[in-house]
């Protein structure tokens, strides 16, 4: 059994693509052991992303989520099964 992507890999990709002012990536895979998409390791399949970016300004909820999914698309082939996404507009601050 192989593990999927790591929270650090997802975070790096989101930093590159979204220039976030706030970013938190949590691997919640352990909460889904035995569920659909679980790889049995407790890692790399189910993530929660909390992100604020100036790129979200003026975008709908769906459009914001699409930016996150597009940035992480190639991780799906590596075992990423589920994403819980929380987005918000960034205040005028420097990226993290």
PDB file of N, CA and C in Angstrom:
ATOM      1  N   UNK A   1       0.823  -1.177   0.000  1.00  0.00           N
ATOM      2  CA  UNK A   1       0.000   0.000   0.000  1.00  0.00           C
ATOM      3  C   UNK A   1       0.872   1.248   0.000  1.00  0.00           C
ATOM      4  N   UNK A   2       0.552   2.204  -0.821  1.00  0.00           N
ATOM      5  CA  UNK A   2       1.321   3.440  -0.851  1.00  0.00           C
ATOM      6  C   UNK A   2       0.502   4.573  -0.251  1.00  0.00           C
ATOM      7  N   UNK A   3       1.201   5.555   0.257  1.00  0.00           N
ATOM      8  CA  UNK A   3       0.508   6.729   0.768  1.00  0.00           C
ATOM      9  C   UNK A   3       0.351   7.727  -0.365  1.00  0.00           C
ATOM     10  N   UNK A   4      -0.643   8.565  -0.240  1.00  0.00           N
ATOM     11  CA  UNK A   4      -0.884   9.597  -1.239  1.00  0.00           C
ATOM     12  C   UNK A   4      -0.012  10.803  -0.972  1.00  0.00           C
ATOM     13  N   UNK A   5      -0.423  11.929  -1.496  1.00  0.00           N
ATOM     14  CA  UNK A   5       0.359  13.156  -1.308  1.00  0.00           C
ATOM     15  C   UNK A   5       0.368  13.586   0.156  1.00  0.00           C
ATOM     16  N   UNK A   6       1.306  14.450   0.496  1.00  0.00           N
ATOM     17  CA  UNK A   6       1.406  14.959   1.861  1.00  0.00           C
ATOM     18  C   UNK A   6       0.818  16.360   1.942  1.00  0.00           C
ATOM     19  N   UNK A   7       0.498  16.763   3.144  1.00  0.00           N
ATOM     20  CA  UNK A   7      -0.006  18.118   3.376  1.00  0.00           C
ATOM     21  C   UNK A   7       1.028  19.146   2.917  1.00  0.00           C
ATOM     22  N   UNK A   8       2.308  18.859   3.138  1.00  0.00           N
ATOM     23  CA  UNK A   8       3.364  19.788   2.721  1.00  0.00           C
ATOM     24  C   UNK A   8       3.400  19.948   1.198  1.00  0.00           C
ATOM     25  N   UNK A   9       3.187  18.851   0.466  1.00  0.00           N
ATOM     26  CA  UNK A   9       3.172  18.947  -0.996  1.00  0.00           C
ATOM     27  C   UNK A   9       2.000  19.803  -1.473  1.00  0.00           C
ATOM     28  N   UNK A  10       0.834  19.605  -0.880  1.00  0.00           N
ATOM     29  CA  UNK A  10      -0.329  20.401  -1.253  1.00  0.00           C
ATOM     30  C   UNK A  10      -0.107  21.867  -0.905  1.00  0.00           C
ATOM     31  N   UNK A  11       0.463  22.102   0.270  1.00  0.00           N
ATOM     32  CA  UNK A  11       0.722  23.472   0.704  1.00  0.00           C
ATOM     33  C   UNK A  11       1.695  24.171  -0.248  1.00  0.00           C
ATOM     34  N   UNK A  12       2.757  23.484  -0.630  1.00  0.00           N
ATOM     35  CA  UNK A  12       3.723  24.069  -1.558  1.00  0.00           C
ATOM     36  C   UNK A  12       3.055  24.455  -2.870  1.00  0.00           C
ATOM     37  N   UNK A  13       2.240  23.551  -3.404  1.00  0.00           N
ATOM     38  CA  UNK A  13       1.561  23.827  -4.665  1.00  0.00           C
ATOM     39  C   UNK A  13       0.615  25.025  -4.541  1.00  0.00           C
ATOM     40  N   UNK A  14      -0.154  25.078  -3.462  1.00  0.00           N
ATOM     41  CA  UNK A  14      -1.094  26.181  -3.279  1.00  0.00           C
ATOM     42  C   UNK A  14      -0.362  27.502  -3.078  1.00  0.00           C
ATOM     43  N   UNK A  15       0.787  27.468  -2.417  1.00  0.00           N
ATOM     44  CA  UNK A  15       1.595  28.686  -2.260  1.00  0.00           C
ATOM     45  C   UNK A  15       2.044  29.194  -3.623  1.00  0.00           C
ATOM     46  N   UNK A  16       2.469  28.282  -4.494  1.00  0.00           N
ATOM     47  CA  UNK A  16       2.939  28.651  -5.830  1.00  0.00           C
ATOM     48  C   UNK A  16       1.809  29.223  -6.686  1.00  0.00           C
ATOM     49  N   UNK A  17       0.652  28.607  -6.629  1.00  0.00           N
ATOM     50  CA  UNK A  17      -0.439  28.959  -7.546  1.00  0.00           C
ATOM     51  C   UNK A  17      -1.357  30.068  -7.058  1.00  0.00           C
ATOM     52  N   UNK A  18      -1.559  30.174  -5.732  1.00  0.00           N
ATOM     53  CA  UNK A  18      -2.561  31.103  -5.222  1.00  0.00           C
ATOM     54  C   UNK A  18      -1.995  32.277  -4.436  1.00  0.00           C
ATOM     55  N   UNK A  19      -0.699  32.281  -4.157  1.00  0.00           N
ATOM     56  CA  UNK A  19      -0.069  33.348  -3.371  1.00  0.00           C
ATOM     57  C   UNK A  19      -0.942  33.725  -2.175  1.00  0.00           C
ATOM     58  N   UNK A  20      -1.231  32.758  -1.307  1.00  0.00           N
ATOM     59  CA  UNK A  20      -2.168  33.012  -0.210  1.00  0.00           C
ATOM     60  C   UNK A  20      -1.619  33.947   0.859  1.00  0.00           C
ATOM     61  N   UNK A  21      -2.533  34.643   1.516  1.00  0.00           N
ATOM     62  CA  UNK A  21      -2.175  35.441   2.685  1.00  0.00           C
ATOM     63  C   UNK A  21      -2.394  34.633   3.950  1.00  0.00           C
ATOM     64  N   UNK A  22      -3.166  33.563   3.827  1.00  0.00           N
ATOM     65  CA  UNK A  22      -3.374  32.612   4.921  1.00  0.00           C
ATOM     66  C   UNK A  22      -3.572  31.248   4.291  1.00  0.00           C
ATOM     67  N   UNK A  23      -2.900  30.233   4.842  1.00  0.00           N
ATOM     68  CA  UNK A  23      -3.026  28.893   4.290  1.00  0.00           C
ATOM     69  C   UNK A  23      -2.823  27.857   5.388  1.00  0.00           C
ATOM     70  N   UNK A  24      -3.749  26.929   5.443  1.00  0.00           N
ATOM     71  CA  UNK A  24      -3.650  25.794   6.352  1.00  0.00           C
ATOM     72  C   UNK A  24      -4.088  24.558   5.573  1.00  0.00           C
ATOM     73  N   UNK A  25      -3.263  23.522   5.595  1.00  0.00           N
ATOM     74  CA  UNK A  25      -3.591  22.261   4.933  1.00  0.00           C
ATOM     75  C   UNK A  25      -3.486  21.161   5.990  1.00  0.00           C
ATOM     76  N   UNK A  26      -4.602  20.491   6.228  1.00  0.00           N
ATOM     77  CA  UNK A  26      -4.665  19.445   7.242  1.00  0.00           C
ATOM     78  C   UNK A  26      -4.949  18.101   6.588  1.00  0.00           C
ATOM     79  N   UNK A  27      -4.160  17.104   6.937  1.00  0.00           N
ATOM     80  CA  UNK A  27      -4.415  15.739   6.473  1.00  0.00           C
ATOM     81  C   UNK A  27      -5.366  15.096   7.477  1.00  0.00           C
ATOM     82  N   UNK A  28      -6.603  14.897   7.067  1.00  0.00           N
ATOM     83  CA  UNK A  28      -7.631  14.313   7.930  1.00  0.00           C
ATOM     84  C   UNK A  28      -7.920  12.857   7.560  1.00  0.00           C
ATOM     85  N   UNK A  29      -6.992  12.239   6.851  1.00  0.00           N
ATOM     86  CA  UNK A  29      -7.188  10.879   6.353  1.00  0.00           C
ATOM     87  C   UNK A  29      -7.466   9.872   7.461  1.00  0.00           C
ATOM     88  N   UNK A  30      -6.826  10.034   8.602  1.00  0.00           N
ATOM     89  CA  UNK A  30      -7.004   9.093   9.704  1.00  0.00           C
ATOM     90  C   UNK A  30      -8.460   9.013  10.146  1.00  0.00           C
ATOM     91  N   UNK A  31      -9.224  10.080   9.917  1.00  0.00           N
ATOM     92  CA  UNK A  31     -10.635  10.108  10.301  1.00  0.00           C
ATOM     93  C   UNK A  31     -11.504   9.307   9.335  1.00  0.00           C
ATOM     94  N   UNK A  32     -10.926   8.878   8.221  1.00  0.00           N
ATOM     95  CA  UNK A  32     -11.689   8.220   7.169  1.00  0.00           C
ATOM     96  C   UNK A  32     -11.242   6.784   6.911  1.00  0.00           C
ATOM     97  N   UNK A  33     -10.413   6.215   7.786  1.00  0.00           N
ATOM     98  CA  UNK A  33      -9.995   4.820   7.608  1.00  0.00           C
ATOM     99  C   UNK A  33     -11.221   3.923   7.515  1.00  0.00           C
ATOM    100  N   UNK A  34     -11.218   3.061   6.531  1.00  0.00           N
ATOM    101  CA  UNK A  34     -12.336   2.164   6.311  1.00  0.00           C
ATOM    102  C   UNK A  34     -13.421   2.739   5.424  1.00  0.00           C
ATOM    103  N   UNK A  35     -13.330   4.015   5.096  1.00  0.00           N
ATOM    104  CA  UNK A  35     -14.308   4.670   4.226  1.00  0.00           C
ATOM    105  C   UNK A  35     -13.829   4.626   2.780  1.00  0.00           C
ATOM    106  N   UNK A  36     -14.722   4.979   1.873  1.00  0.00           N
ATOM    107  CA  UNK A  36     -14.361   5.040   0.448  1.00  0.00           C
ATOM    108  C   UNK A  36     -13.176   5.974   0.253  1.00  0.00           C
ATOM    109  N   UNK A  37     -12.233   5.555  -0.558  1.00  0.00           N
ATOM    110  CA  UNK A  37     -11.072   6.373  -0.877  1.00  0.00           C
ATOM    111  C   UNK A  37      -9.925   6.255   0.095  1.00  0.00           C
ATOM    112  N   UNK A  38     -10.136   5.597   1.217  1.00  0.00           N
ATOM    113  CA  UNK A  38      -9.058   5.427   2.184  1.00  0.00           C
ATOM    114  C   UNK A  38      -8.063   4.410   1.649  1.00  0.00           C
ATOM    115  N   UNK A  39      -6.782   4.667   1.902  1.00  0.00           N
ATOM    116  CA  UNK A  39      -5.757   3.716   1.443  1.00  0.00           C
ATOM    117  C   UNK A  39      -5.283   2.805   2.570  1.00  0.00           C
ATOM    118  N   UNK A  40      -5.891   2.930   3.747  1.00  0.00           N
ATOM    119  CA  UNK A  40      -5.542   2.069   4.867  1.00  0.00           C
ATOM    120  C   UNK A  40      -4.362   2.528   5.689  1.00  0.00           C
ATOM    121  N   UNK A  41      -3.686   3.602   5.270  1.00  0.00           N
ATOM    122  CA  UNK A  41      -2.516   4.086   6.009  1.00  0.00           C
ATOM    123  C   UNK A  41      -2.856   5.209   6.981  1.00  0.00           C
ATOM    124  N   UNK A  42      -3.998   5.868   6.750  1.00  0.00           N
ATOM    125  CA  UNK A  42      -4.353   7.017   7.578  1.00  0.00           C
ATOM    126  C   UNK A  42      -3.707   8.304   7.100  1.00  0.00           C
ATOM    127  N   UNK A  43      -3.108   8.281   5.911  1.00  0.00           N
ATOM    128  CA  UNK A  43      -2.435   9.462   5.362  1.00  0.00           C
ATOM    129  C   UNK A  43      -2.718   9.606   3.872  1.00  0.00           C
ATOM    130  N   UNK A  44      -2.747  10.858   3.397  1.00  0.00           N
ATOM    131  CA  UNK A  44      -2.676  11.138   1.974  1.00  0.00           C
ATOM    132  C   UNK A  44      -3.931  11.005   1.146  1.00  0.00           C
ATOM    133  N   UNK A  45      -5.109  10.877   1.772  1.00  0.00           N
ATOM    134  CA  UNK A  45      -6.317  10.698   0.963  1.00  0.00           C
ATOM    135  C   UNK A  45      -7.385  11.767   1.183  1.00  0.00           C
ATOM    136  N   UNK A  46      -7.494  12.289   2.384  1.00  0.00           N
ATOM    137  CA  UNK A  46      -8.549  13.253   2.728  1.00  0.00           C
ATOM    138  C   UNK A  46      -7.903  14.479   3.384  1.00  0.00           C
ATOM    139  N   UNK A  47      -8.131  15.644   2.778  1.00  0.00           N
ATOM    140  CA  UNK A  47      -7.500  16.876   3.265  1.00  0.00           C
ATOM    141  C   UNK A  47      -8.525  17.984   3.474  1.00  0.00           C
ATOM    142  N   UNK A  48      -8.197  18.873   4.387  1.00  0.00           N
ATOM    143  CA  UNK A  48      -8.946  20.121   4.584  1.00  0.00           C
ATOM    144  C   UNK A  48      -7.999  21.256   4.239  1.00  0.00           C
ATOM    145  N   UNK A  49      -8.455  22.165   3.381  1.00  0.00           N
ATOM    146  CA  UNK A  49      -7.668  23.326   2.964  1.00  0.00           C
ATOM    147  C   UNK A  49      -8.415  24.577   3.391  1.00  0.00           C
ATOM    148  N   UNK A  50      -7.740  25.420   4.165  1.00  0.00           N
ATOM    149  CA  UNK A  50      -8.267  26.735   4.537  1.00  0.00           C
ATOM    150  C   UNK A  50      -7.327  27.755   3.909  1.00  0.00           C
ATOM    151  N   UNK A  51      -7.878  28.576   3.010  1.00  0.00           N
ATOM    152  CA  UNK A  51      -7.004  29.457   2.250  1.00  0.00           C
ATOM    153  C   UNK A  51      -7.663  30.817   2.003  1.00  0.00           C
ATOM    154  N   UNK A  52      -6.861  31.851   2.129  1.00  0.00           N
ATOM    155  CA  UNK A  52      -7.268  33.210   1.776  1.00  0.00           C
ATOM    156  C   UNK A  52      -6.282  33.705   0.717  1.00  0.00           C
ATOM    157  N   UNK A  53      -6.806  34.299  -0.341  1.00  0.00           N
ATOM    158  CA  UNK A  53      -5.955  34.776  -1.415  1.00  0.00           C
ATOM    159  C   UNK A  53      -6.587  35.985  -2.085  1.00  0.00           C
ATOM    160  N   UNK A  54      -5.750  36.902  -2.518  1.00  0.00           N
ATOM    161  CA  UNK A  54      -6.250  38.046  -3.277  1.00  0.00           C
ATOM    162  C   UNK A  54      -6.840  37.601  -4.609  1.00  0.00           C
ATOM    163  N   UNK A  55      -6.457  36.419  -5.082  1.00  0.00           N
ATOM    164  CA  UNK A  55      -6.996  35.889  -6.337  1.00  0.00           C
ATOM    165  C   UNK A  55      -8.484  35.559  -6.232  1.00  0.00           C
ATOM    166  N   UNK A  56      -8.999  35.451  -5.025  1.00  0.00           N
ATOM    167  CA  UNK A  56     -10.413  35.127  -4.824  1.00  0.00           C
ATOM    168  C   UNK A  56     -11.318  36.355  -4.891  1.00  0.00           C
ATOM    169  N   UNK A  57     -10.729  37.538  -4.871  1.00  0.00           N
ATOM    170  CA  UNK A  57     -11.518  38.760  -4.865  1.00  0.00           C
ATOM    171  C   UNK A  57     -12.453  38.816  -6.065  1.00  0.00           C
ATOM    172  N   UNK A  58     -13.736  39.006  -5.779  1.00  0.00           N
ATOM    173  CA  UNK A  58     -14.737  39.122  -6.830  1.00  0.00           C
ATOM    174  C   UNK A  58     -15.213  37.803  -7.404  1.00  0.00           C
ATOM    175  N   UNK A  59     -14.668  36.683  -6.934  1.00  0.00           N
ATOM    176  CA  UNK A  59     -15.060  35.371  -7.461  1.00  0.00           C
ATOM    177  C   UNK A  59     -16.161  34.749  -6.608  1.00  0.00           C
ATOM    178  N   UNK A  60     -16.976  33.939  -7.256  1.00  0.00           N
ATOM    179  CA  UNK A  60     -18.006  33.199  -6.541  1.00  0.00           C
ATOM    180  C   UNK A  60     -17.357  32.078  -5.727  1.00  0.00           C
ATOM    181  N   UNK A  61     -18.145  31.530  -4.839  1.00  0.00           N
ATOM    182  CA  UNK A  61     -17.711  30.391  -4.020  1.00  0.00           C
ATOM    183  C   UNK A  61     -17.227  29.249  -4.922  1.00  0.00           C
ATOM    184  N   UNK A  62     -17.977  28.942  -5.950  1.00  0.00           N
ATOM    185  CA  UNK A  62     -17.632  27.862  -6.871  1.00  0.00           C
ATOM    186  C   UNK A  62     -16.333  28.170  -7.619  1.00  0.00           C
ATOM    187  N   UNK A  63     -16.163  29.392  -8.074  1.00  0.00           N
ATOM    188  CA  UNK A  63     -14.951  29.772  -8.805  1.00  0.00           C
ATOM    189  C   UNK A  63     -13.711  29.688  -7.905  1.00  0.00           C
ATOM    190  N   UNK A  64     -13.856  30.052  -6.645  1.00  0.00           N
ATOM    191  CA  UNK A  64     -12.738  29.934  -5.698  1.00  0.00           C
ATOM    192  C   UNK A  64     -12.328  28.477  -5.525  1.00  0.00           C
ATOM    193  N   UNK A  65     -13.324  27.623  -5.351  1.00  0.00           N
ATOM    194  CA  UNK A  65     -13.043  26.197  -5.189  1.00  0.00           C
ATOM    195  C   UNK A  65     -12.399  25.621  -6.446  1.00  0.00           C
ATOM    196  N   UNK A  66     -12.827  26.086  -7.609  1.00  0.00           N
ATOM    197  CA  UNK A  66     -12.259  25.601  -8.871  1.00  0.00           C
ATOM    198  C   UNK A  66     -10.772  25.944  -8.933  1.00  0.00           C
ATOM    199  N   UNK A  67     -10.377  27.130  -8.475  1.00  0.00           N
ATOM    200  CA  UNK A  67      -8.950  27.493  -8.462  1.00  0.00           C
ATOM    201  C   UNK A  67      -8.147  26.525  -7.587  1.00  0.00           C
ATOM    202  N   UNK A  68      -8.710  26.170  -6.436  1.00  0.00           N
ATOM    203  CA  UNK A  68      -8.021  25.236  -5.545  1.00  0.00           C
ATOM    204  C   UNK A  68      -7.927  23.860  -6.196  1.00  0.00           C
ATOM    205  N   UNK A  69      -9.057  23.359  -6.726  1.00  0.00           N
ATOM    206  CA  UNK A  69      -9.047  22.045  -7.383  1.00  0.00           C
ATOM    207  C   UNK A  69      -8.090  22.020  -8.570  1.00  0.00           C
ATOM    208  N   UNK A  70      -8.093  23.071  -9.372  1.00  0.00           N
ATOM    209  CA  UNK A  70      -7.199  23.118 -10.528  1.00  0.00           C
ATOM    210  C   UNK A  70      -5.733  23.062 -10.103  1.00  0.00           C
ATOM    211  N   UNK A  71      -5.402  23.745  -9.021  1.00  0.00           N
ATOM    212  CA  UNK A  71      -4.018  23.757  -8.533  1.00  0.00           C
ATOM    213  C   UNK A  71      -3.579  22.375  -8.049  1.00  0.00           C
ATOM    214  N   UNK A  72      -4.521  21.579  -7.552  1.00  0.00           N
ATOM    215  CA  UNK A  72      -4.180  20.289  -6.944  1.00  0.00           C
ATOM    216  C   UNK A  72      -4.534  19.086  -7.811  1.00  0.00           C
ATOM    217  N   UNK A  73      -4.970  19.313  -9.021  1.00  0.00           N
ATOM    218  CA  UNK A  73      -5.490  18.263  -9.894  1.00  0.00           C
ATOM    219  C   UNK A  73      -4.556  17.060 -10.042  1.00  0.00           C
ATOM    220  N   UNK A  74      -3.282  17.287 -10.243  1.00  0.00           N
ATOM    221  CA  UNK A  74      -2.390  16.146 -10.475  1.00  0.00           C
ATOM    222  C   UNK A  74      -2.160  15.293  -9.224  1.00  0.00           C
ATOM    223  N   UNK A  75      -2.542  15.779  -8.042  1.00  0.00           N
ATOM    224  CA  UNK A  75      -2.422  14.976  -6.830  1.00  0.00           C
ATOM    225  C   UNK A  75      -3.521  13.914  -6.739  1.00  0.00           C
ATOM    226  N   UNK A  76      -4.580  14.072  -7.492  1.00  0.00           N
ATOM    227  CA  UNK A  76      -5.660  13.085  -7.481  1.00  0.00           C
ATOM    228  C   UNK A  76      -5.133  11.728  -7.949  1.00  0.00           C
ATOM    229  N   UNK A  77      -4.297  11.731  -8.964  1.00  0.00           N
ATOM    230  CA  UNK A  77      -3.704  10.480  -9.453  1.00  0.00           C
ATOM    231  C   UNK A  77      -2.782   9.844  -8.411  1.00  0.00           C
ATOM    232  N   UNK A  78      -2.336  10.631  -7.443  1.00  0.00           N
ATOM    233  CA  UNK A  78      -1.449  10.130  -6.391  1.00  0.00           C
ATOM    234  C   UNK A  78      -2.225   9.630  -5.174  1.00  0.00           C
ATOM    235  N   UNK A  79      -3.557   9.643  -5.236  1.00  0.00           N
ATOM    236  CA  UNK A  79      -4.345   9.112  -4.136  1.00  0.00           C
ATOM    237  C   UNK A  79      -5.201  10.109  -3.401  1.00  0.00           C
ATOM    238  N   UNK A  80      -5.129  11.393  -3.767  1.00  0.00           N
ATOM    239  CA  UNK A  80      -5.996  12.387  -3.142  1.00  0.00           C
ATOM    240  C   UNK A  80      -7.437  12.049  -3.487  1.00  0.00           C
ATOM    241  N   UNK A  81      -8.252  11.796  -2.475  1.00  0.00           N
ATOM    242  CA  UNK A  81      -9.622  11.357  -2.693  1.00  0.00           C
ATOM    243  C   UNK A  81     -10.640  12.448  -2.383  1.00  0.00           C
ATOM    244  N   UNK A  82     -10.399  13.225  -1.340  1.00  0.00           N
ATOM    245  CA  UNK A  82     -11.390  14.210  -0.916  1.00  0.00           C
ATOM    246  C   UNK A  82     -10.719  15.474  -0.401  1.00  0.00           C
ATOM    247  N   UNK A  83     -11.342  16.610  -0.746  1.00  0.00           N
ATOM    248  CA  UNK A  83     -10.889  17.915  -0.272  1.00  0.00           C
ATOM    249  C   UNK A  83     -12.061  18.647   0.371  1.00  0.00           C
ATOM    250  N   UNK A  84     -11.864  19.112   1.581  1.00  0.00           N
ATOM    251  CA  UNK A  84     -12.801  20.034   2.208  1.00  0.00           C
ATOM    252  C   UNK A  84     -12.141  21.404   2.074  1.00  0.00           C
ATOM    253  N   UNK A  85     -12.788  22.324   1.372  1.00  0.00           N
ATOM    254  CA  UNK A  85     -12.170  23.607   1.056  1.00  0.00           C
ATOM    255  C   UNK A  85     -12.916  24.745   1.730  1.00  0.00           C
ATOM    256  N   UNK A  86     -12.168  25.590   2.423  1.00  0.00           N
ATOM    257  CA  UNK A  86     -12.700  26.803   3.030  1.00  0.00           C
ATOM    258  C   UNK A  86     -11.900  27.967   2.461  1.00  0.00           C
ATOM    259  N   UNK A  87     -12.572  28.877   1.755  1.00  0.00           N
ATOM    260  CA  UNK A  87     -11.876  30.005   1.138  1.00  0.00           C
ATOM    261  C   UNK A  87     -12.395  31.322   1.694  1.00  0.00           C
ATOM    262  N   UNK A  88     -11.553  32.357   1.576  1.00  0.00           N
ATOM    263  CA  UNK A  88     -11.967  33.701   1.943  1.00  0.00           C
ATOM    264  C   UNK A  88     -11.133  34.703   1.184  1.00  0.00           C
ATOM    265  N   UNK A  89     -11.701  35.894   0.998  1.00  0.00           N
ATOM    266  CA  UNK A  89     -10.953  36.982   0.379  1.00  0.00           C
ATOM    267  C   UNK A  89      -9.821  37.368   1.306  1.00  0.00           C
ATOM    268  N   UNK A  90      -8.717  37.793   0.729  1.00  0.00           N
ATOM    269  CA  UNK A  90      -7.596  38.257   1.533  1.00  0.00           C
ATOM    270  C   UNK A  90      -7.740  39.739   1.793  1.00  0.00           C
ATOM    271  N   UNK A  91      -7.391  40.136   3.009  1.00  0.00           N
ATOM    272  CA  UNK A  91      -7.251  41.569   3.240  1.00  0.00           C
ATOM    273  C   UNK A  91      -5.989  42.015   2.499  1.00  0.00           C
ATOM    274  N   UNK A  92      -5.765  43.259   2.387  1.00  0.00           N
ATOM    275  CA  UNK A  92      -4.566  43.765   1.701  1.00  0.00           C
ATOM    276  C   UNK A  92      -3.351  43.563   2.589  1.00  0.00           C
ATOM    277  N   UNK A  93      -2.850  42.328   2.574  1.00  0.00           N
ATOM    278  CA  UNK A  93      -1.670  41.991   3.367  1.00  0.00           C
ATOM    279  C   UNK A  93      -0.675  41.238   2.493  1.00  0.00           C
ATOM    280  N   UNK A  94       0.494  41.043   3.026  1.00  0.00           N
ATOM    281  CA  UNK A  94       1.554  40.336   2.321  1.00  0.00           C
ATOM    282  C   UNK A  94       1.291  38.839   2.363  1.00  0.00           C
ATOM    283  N   UNK A  95       1.545  38.112   1.240  1.00  0.00           N
ATOM    284  CA  UNK A  95       1.366  36.659   1.240  1.00  0.00           C
ATOM    285  C   UNK A  95       2.213  35.975   2.311  1.00  0.00           C
ATOM    286  N   UNK A  96       1.766  34.781   2.751  1.00  0.00           N
ATOM    287  CA  UNK A  96       2.495  34.017   3.776  1.00  0.00           C
ATOM    288  C   UNK A  96       3.736  33.414   3.188  1.00  0.00           C
TER     289      UNK A  96
END
